[in-house]
């Protein structure tokens, strides 16, 4: 069975992630006036919130250095408003997925997967989950490929909001969460650069984690840090379970089977290793 929320995450995350890695997505953002990778990233992901300033984005994106967020916002809204960013992200995602699915996944597979994803997510409870809530009130598209991406995005932000709650419950700041993750299962150089943390603040966070007993003197994860990772992931999975509970075992297993070839095709756009932690498919 594939009802495990983490297993389902590995199937819908590649669909959502094309917006970060596919060249079609970058071209769509550039056509909207958002030149440069991070302008497109921040505009596309923050657009459902409206033309917000850096404060809310720093809070809900969790893990980015404040200065990195402040460089992007509010500057991006002078280049493209939220409505333009939303159109660009959907256009880029659709083109990327359409090109990679064409000739590799039958249209009826895409249609059935889209219908099941919508059933799992339409009307999903999003109280306490700001990014999921902002995406949930956007209108549902009609095209199956657009439905695939919209539902995958809603699921991604729903799980991400829950993950932030789990990190906060563990007493971690955004910087500490990045340092801790790098010590357990991620690449420091990639994670530190992609989230904008300077060396001095990274090292300060490492010292705080060492004082908690989560890092050794050389920066390696202690058994306590690994146990914390397992507990945080357990909480994240539990908080991400409602869509699959709604769909039921039979529906979720059917969706997992349908998503296997779709996710494999979409994963062609992803680098490895990648900042979202997806394994190579």
Protein backbone atom coordinates (compact mmCIF):
# COMPACT_ATOMS: atom_id res chain seq x y z
CA UNK A 1 0.00 0.00 0.00
CA UNK A 2 1.11 3.60 -0.63
CA UNK A 3 -1.01 5.35 1.98
CA UNK A 4 2.08 6.45 3.91
CA UNK A 5 2.14 10.28 3.67
CA UNK A 6 5.88 10.34 3.05
CA UNK A 7 5.59 7.88 0.18
CA UNK A 8 2.85 10.02 -1.33
CA UNK A 9 5.02 13.13 -0.89
CA UNK A 10 7.73 11.51 -3.01
CA UNK A 11 5.15 11.13 -5.78
CA UNK A 12 3.55 14.59 -5.82
CA UNK A 13 6.62 16.69 -4.96
CA UNK A 14 8.29 16.19 -8.38
CA UNK A 15 5.16 17.57 -10.05
CA UNK A 16 5.19 20.70 -7.94
CA UNK A 17 8.97 21.13 -8.13
CA UNK A 18 9.08 21.65 -11.90
CA UNK A 19 8.30 25.29 -11.14
CA UNK A 20 11.71 25.60 -9.48
CA UNK A 21 13.86 23.61 -11.87
CA UNK A 22 12.31 23.37 -15.34
CA UNK A 23 13.66 25.84 -17.92
CA UNK A 24 10.10 26.41 -19.18
CA UNK A 25 9.18 27.83 -15.78
CA UNK A 26 12.12 30.20 -15.72
CA UNK A 27 11.23 31.41 -19.20
CA UNK A 28 7.64 32.06 -18.13
CA UNK A 29 8.79 34.15 -15.18
CA UNK A 30 11.24 36.09 -17.33
CA UNK A 31 8.48 36.83 -19.83
CA UNK A 32 6.50 38.32 -16.94
CA UNK A 33 9.41 40.61 -16.02
CA UNK A 34 10.90 38.44 -13.28
CA UNK A 35 14.47 37.94 -14.42
CA UNK A 36 16.75 35.93 -12.17
CA UNK A 37 15.98 32.63 -10.49
CA UNK A 38 15.14 33.97 -7.04
CA UNK A 39 12.79 36.68 -8.28
CA UNK A 40 10.72 33.99 -9.95
CA UNK A 41 10.93 31.71 -6.93
CA UNK A 42 9.78 34.28 -4.40
CA UNK A 43 7.13 35.82 -6.67
CA UNK A 44 5.64 32.51 -7.73
CA UNK A 45 5.52 30.99 -4.30
CA UNK A 46 4.40 34.14 -2.47
CA UNK A 47 1.87 35.32 -5.06
CA UNK A 48 -1.10 33.44 -3.52
CA UNK A 49 -0.60 35.59 -0.40
CA UNK A 50 -1.01 38.80 -2.39
CA UNK A 51 1.45 41.69 -2.58
CA UNK A 52 2.86 41.06 0.89
CA UNK A 53 6.09 42.46 2.25
CA UNK A 54 9.11 40.49 3.47
CA UNK A 55 7.81 39.86 7.00
CA UNK A 56 5.08 37.32 6.23
CA UNK A 57 7.21 35.60 3.59
CA UNK A 58 10.16 35.30 5.95
CA UNK A 59 7.81 33.75 8.50
CA UNK A 60 6.01 31.22 6.32
CA UNK A 61 8.89 30.20 4.05
CA UNK A 62 10.92 29.36 7.21
CA UNK A 63 14.60 28.66 6.71
CA UNK A 64 15.57 31.56 4.47
CA UNK A 65 17.80 34.27 5.90
CA UNK A 66 15.86 37.49 6.42
CA UNK A 67 18.21 39.52 4.21
CA UNK A 68 17.59 37.16 1.30
CA UNK A 69 13.84 37.63 1.62
CA UNK A 70 14.22 41.41 1.95
CA UNK A 71 16.26 41.57 -1.26
CA UNK A 72 13.36 39.98 -3.12
CA UNK A 73 10.41 41.72 -1.49
CA UNK A 74 8.79 44.10 -2.18
CA UNK A 75 10.97 44.62 -5.28
CA UNK A 76 9.37 41.72 -7.16
CA UNK A 77 5.92 43.32 -7.03
CA UNK A 78 7.24 46.35 -8.90
CA UNK A 79 8.24 44.02 -11.71
CA UNK A 80 5.18 41.77 -11.77
CA UNK A 81 2.10 41.80 -9.59
CA UNK A 82 0.77 38.67 -7.86
CA UNK A 83 -1.79 38.00 -10.61
CA UNK A 84 0.95 38.11 -13.26
CA UNK A 85 3.19 35.85 -11.16
CA UNK A 86 0.35 33.35 -10.73
CA UNK A 87 -0.26 33.24 -14.47
CA UNK A 88 3.45 32.82 -15.14
CA UNK A 89 3.92 29.99 -12.67
CA UNK A 90 0.93 28.08 -14.03
CA UNK A 91 2.01 28.59 -17.64
CA UNK A 92 5.56 27.46 -16.92
CA UNK A 93 4.47 24.44 -14.93
CA UNK A 94 1.96 23.39 -17.54
CA UNK A 95 4.44 23.67 -20.40
CA UNK A 96 7.10 21.75 -18.48
CA UNK A 97 4.76 18.93 -17.50
CA UNK A 98 3.06 18.76 -20.90
CA UNK A 99 6.39 18.39 -22.69
CA UNK A 100 7.74 15.69 -20.40
CA UNK A 101 4.46 13.72 -20.23
CA UNK A 102 3.79 13.82 -23.97
CA UNK A 103 4.43 10.37 -25.40
CA UNK A 104 5.44 8.90 -22.04
CA UNK A 105 2.22 8.85 -19.98
CA UNK A 106 -1.21 8.15 -21.51
CA UNK A 107 -3.71 11.01 -21.35
CA UNK A 108 -6.23 8.85 -19.51
CA UNK A 109 -3.65 8.21 -16.76
CA UNK A 110 -3.13 11.94 -16.34
CA UNK A 111 -6.89 12.57 -16.30
CA UNK A 112 -7.60 9.92 -13.66
CA UNK A 113 -4.68 11.03 -11.49
CA UNK A 114 -5.84 14.65 -11.72
CA UNK A 115 -9.36 13.67 -10.66
CA UNK A 116 -8.12 11.72 -7.64
CA UNK A 117 -5.74 14.49 -6.60
CA UNK A 118 -8.58 16.98 -6.74
CA UNK A 119 -10.78 14.66 -4.68
CA UNK A 120 -8.01 14.43 -2.06
CA UNK A 121 -7.45 18.17 -1.84
CA UNK A 122 -10.62 20.03 -2.79
CA UNK A 123 -12.05 21.53 0.40
CA UNK A 124 -9.09 20.36 2.52
CA UNK A 125 -8.96 21.86 6.02
CA UNK A 126 -6.19 24.46 6.05
CA UNK A 127 -6.67 26.29 9.35
CA UNK A 128 -3.23 27.15 10.76
CA UNK A 129 -1.56 26.48 7.40
CA UNK A 130 -1.03 29.87 5.71
CA UNK A 131 0.59 28.79 2.45
CA UNK A 132 -1.84 25.94 1.92
CA UNK A 133 -4.75 28.24 2.73
CA UNK A 134 -3.59 30.87 0.25
CA UNK A 135 -3.34 28.29 -2.54
CA UNK A 136 -6.60 26.61 -1.60
CA UNK A 137 -8.69 29.67 -2.40
CA UNK A 138 -7.30 29.99 -5.92
CA UNK A 139 -9.77 28.80 -8.57
CA UNK A 140 -9.41 25.24 -9.78
CA UNK A 141 -8.28 24.97 -13.40
CA UNK A 142 -10.01 22.72 -15.93
CA UNK A 143 -7.11 21.22 -17.84
CA UNK A 144 -5.93 17.91 -16.27
CA UNK A 145 -2.27 18.91 -16.35
CA UNK A 146 -3.08 22.21 -14.65
CA UNK A 147 -5.14 20.29 -12.07
CA UNK A 148 -2.19 17.97 -11.44
CA UNK A 149 0.11 20.88 -10.72
CA UNK A 150 -2.37 22.89 -8.67
CA UNK A 151 -3.24 19.90 -6.47
CA UNK A 152 0.42 18.95 -6.06
CA UNK A 153 1.19 22.52 -5.02
CA UNK A 154 -1.62 22.54 -2.49
CA UNK A 155 -0.40 19.23 -1.06
CA UNK A 156 3.18 20.47 -0.98
CA UNK A 157 2.35 23.64 0.92
CA UNK A 158 -0.04 21.76 3.23
CA UNK A 159 2.74 19.36 4.17
CA UNK A 160 5.28 22.19 4.37
CA UNK A 161 3.13 24.20 6.77
CA UNK A 162 2.86 21.14 8.99
CA UNK A 163 6.60 20.59 8.81
CA UNK A 164 7.22 24.15 9.99
CA UNK A 165 4.90 23.49 12.92
CA UNK A 166 6.92 20.40 13.79
CA UNK A 167 10.20 22.32 13.61
CA UNK A 168 8.83 25.04 15.88
CA UNK A 169 7.59 22.43 18.33
CA UNK A 170 11.14 21.07 18.43
CA UNK A 171 12.36 24.56 19.40
CA UNK A 172 14.28 25.28 16.20
CA UNK A 173 14.78 28.63 14.51
CA UNK A 174 14.99 28.79 10.75
CA UNK A 175 18.78 28.93 10.79
CA UNK A 176 19.10 26.12 13.31
CA UNK A 177 16.78 23.96 11.23
CA UNK A 178 19.07 24.41 8.22
CA UNK A 179 22.25 23.62 10.16
CA UNK A 180 20.65 20.59 11.81
CA UNK A 181 19.32 19.26 8.52
CA UNK A 182 22.75 19.67 6.90
CA UNK A 183 24.27 17.63 9.72
CA UNK A 184 21.76 14.80 9.28
CA UNK A 185 20.85 14.32 5.62
CA UNK A 186 21.63 17.33 3.42
CA UNK A 187 24.58 19.06 1.81
CA UNK A 188 25.71 22.11 3.79
CA UNK A 189 27.17 24.00 0.84
CA UNK A 190 24.01 23.68 -1.22
CA UNK A 191 21.59 24.33 1.64
CA UNK A 192 23.49 27.27 3.10
CA UNK A 193 23.85 28.98 -0.27
CA UNK A 194 20.26 28.38 -1.35
CA UNK A 195 18.88 29.85 1.88
CA UNK A 196 21.29 32.78 2.14
CA UNK A 197 22.95 32.11 5.50
CA UNK A 198 26.35 33.80 6.07
CA UNK A 199 29.10 31.74 7.65
CA UNK A 200 29.11 33.57 10.98
CA UNK A 201 25.39 33.05 11.57
CA UNK A 202 25.60 29.45 10.39
CA UNK A 203 28.39 28.76 12.87
CA UNK A 204 26.51 30.54 15.67
CA UNK A 205 23.50 28.29 15.04
CA UNK A 206 25.81 25.28 15.07
CA UNK A 207 27.15 26.29 18.48
CA UNK A 208 23.62 26.56 19.86
CA UNK A 209 22.80 23.12 18.55
CA UNK A 210 25.99 21.73 20.08
CA UNK A 211 24.92 23.17 23.43
CA UNK A 212 21.65 21.28 23.05
CA UNK A 213 23.54 18.07 22.41
CA UNK A 214 22.53 17.85 18.76
CA UNK A 215 25.98 18.36 17.20
CA UNK A 216 29.42 17.03 18.01
CA UNK A 217 32.51 19.23 18.10
CA UNK A 218 33.14 18.64 14.40
CA UNK A 219 29.56 19.47 13.43
CA UNK A 220 28.32 15.93 12.97
CA UNK A 221 24.84 14.92 14.07
CA UNK A 222 24.55 13.20 17.44
CA UNK A 223 22.12 10.33 18.07
CA UNK A 224 19.86 12.92 19.73
CA UNK A 225 19.78 14.95 16.50
CA UNK A 226 18.96 11.87 14.43
CA UNK A 227 16.20 10.92 16.86
CA UNK A 228 14.84 14.45 16.59
CA UNK A 229 14.80 14.13 12.80
CA UNK A 230 12.78 10.93 13.09
CA UNK A 231 10.30 12.53 15.50
CA UNK A 232 9.91 15.69 13.40
CA UNK A 233 9.27 13.59 10.30
CA UNK A 234 6.76 11.47 12.23
CA UNK A 235 4.85 14.59 13.25
CA UNK A 236 5.08 15.98 9.70
CA UNK A 237 3.67 12.74 8.29
CA UNK A 238 0.84 12.70 10.82
CA UNK A 239 -0.09 16.29 9.98
CA UNK A 240 0.05 15.47 6.26
CA UNK A 241 -2.29 12.48 6.52
CA UNK A 242 -5.74 14.15 6.06
CA UNK A 243 -5.75 14.14 2.22
CA UNK A 244 -5.03 10.41 2.18
CA UNK A 245 -7.51 9.68 4.93
CA UNK A 246 -10.08 11.53 2.84
CA UNK A 247 -9.23 9.52 -0.28
CA UNK A 248 -9.13 6.21 1.59
CA UNK A 249 -6.81 3.25 1.19
CA UNK A 250 -8.18 2.06 -2.13
CA UNK A 251 -8.24 5.53 -3.69
CA UNK A 252 -4.79 6.42 -2.38
CA UNK A 253 -3.28 3.18 -3.63
CA UNK A 254 -4.83 3.76 -7.04
CA UNK A 255 -3.49 7.32 -7.11
CA UNK A 256 -0.02 6.14 -6.12
CA UNK A 257 0.03 3.71 -9.02
CA UNK A 258 -1.08 6.42 -11.44
CA UNK A 259 1.47 8.92 -10.14
CA UNK A 260 4.47 6.58 -10.45
CA UNK A 261 5.10 7.22 -14.17
CA UNK A 262 4.02 10.87 -13.92
CA UNK A 263 6.45 11.56 -11.06
CA UNK A 264 9.23 9.70 -12.84
CA UNK A 265 8.74 11.85 -15.92
CA UNK A 266 8.62 15.11 -13.94
CA UNK A 267 11.73 14.13 -11.97
CA UNK A 268 13.76 14.51 -15.15
CA UNK A 269 13.85 18.24 -14.40
CA UNK A 270 15.22 17.86 -10.87
CA UNK A 271 18.92 18.07 -9.98
CA UNK A 272 20.40 15.59 -7.50
CA UNK A 273 20.94 16.26 -4.73
CA UNK A 274 18.24 18.91 -4.50
CA UNK A 275 17.25 21.37 -1.75
CA UNK A 276 13.86 19.69 -1.20
CA UNK A 277 15.50 16.39 -0.30
CA UNK A 278 13.93 14.20 -2.97
CA UNK A 279 15.81 11.00 -3.78
CA UNK A 280 16.74 10.13 -7.36
CA UNK A 281 13.91 8.31 -9.07
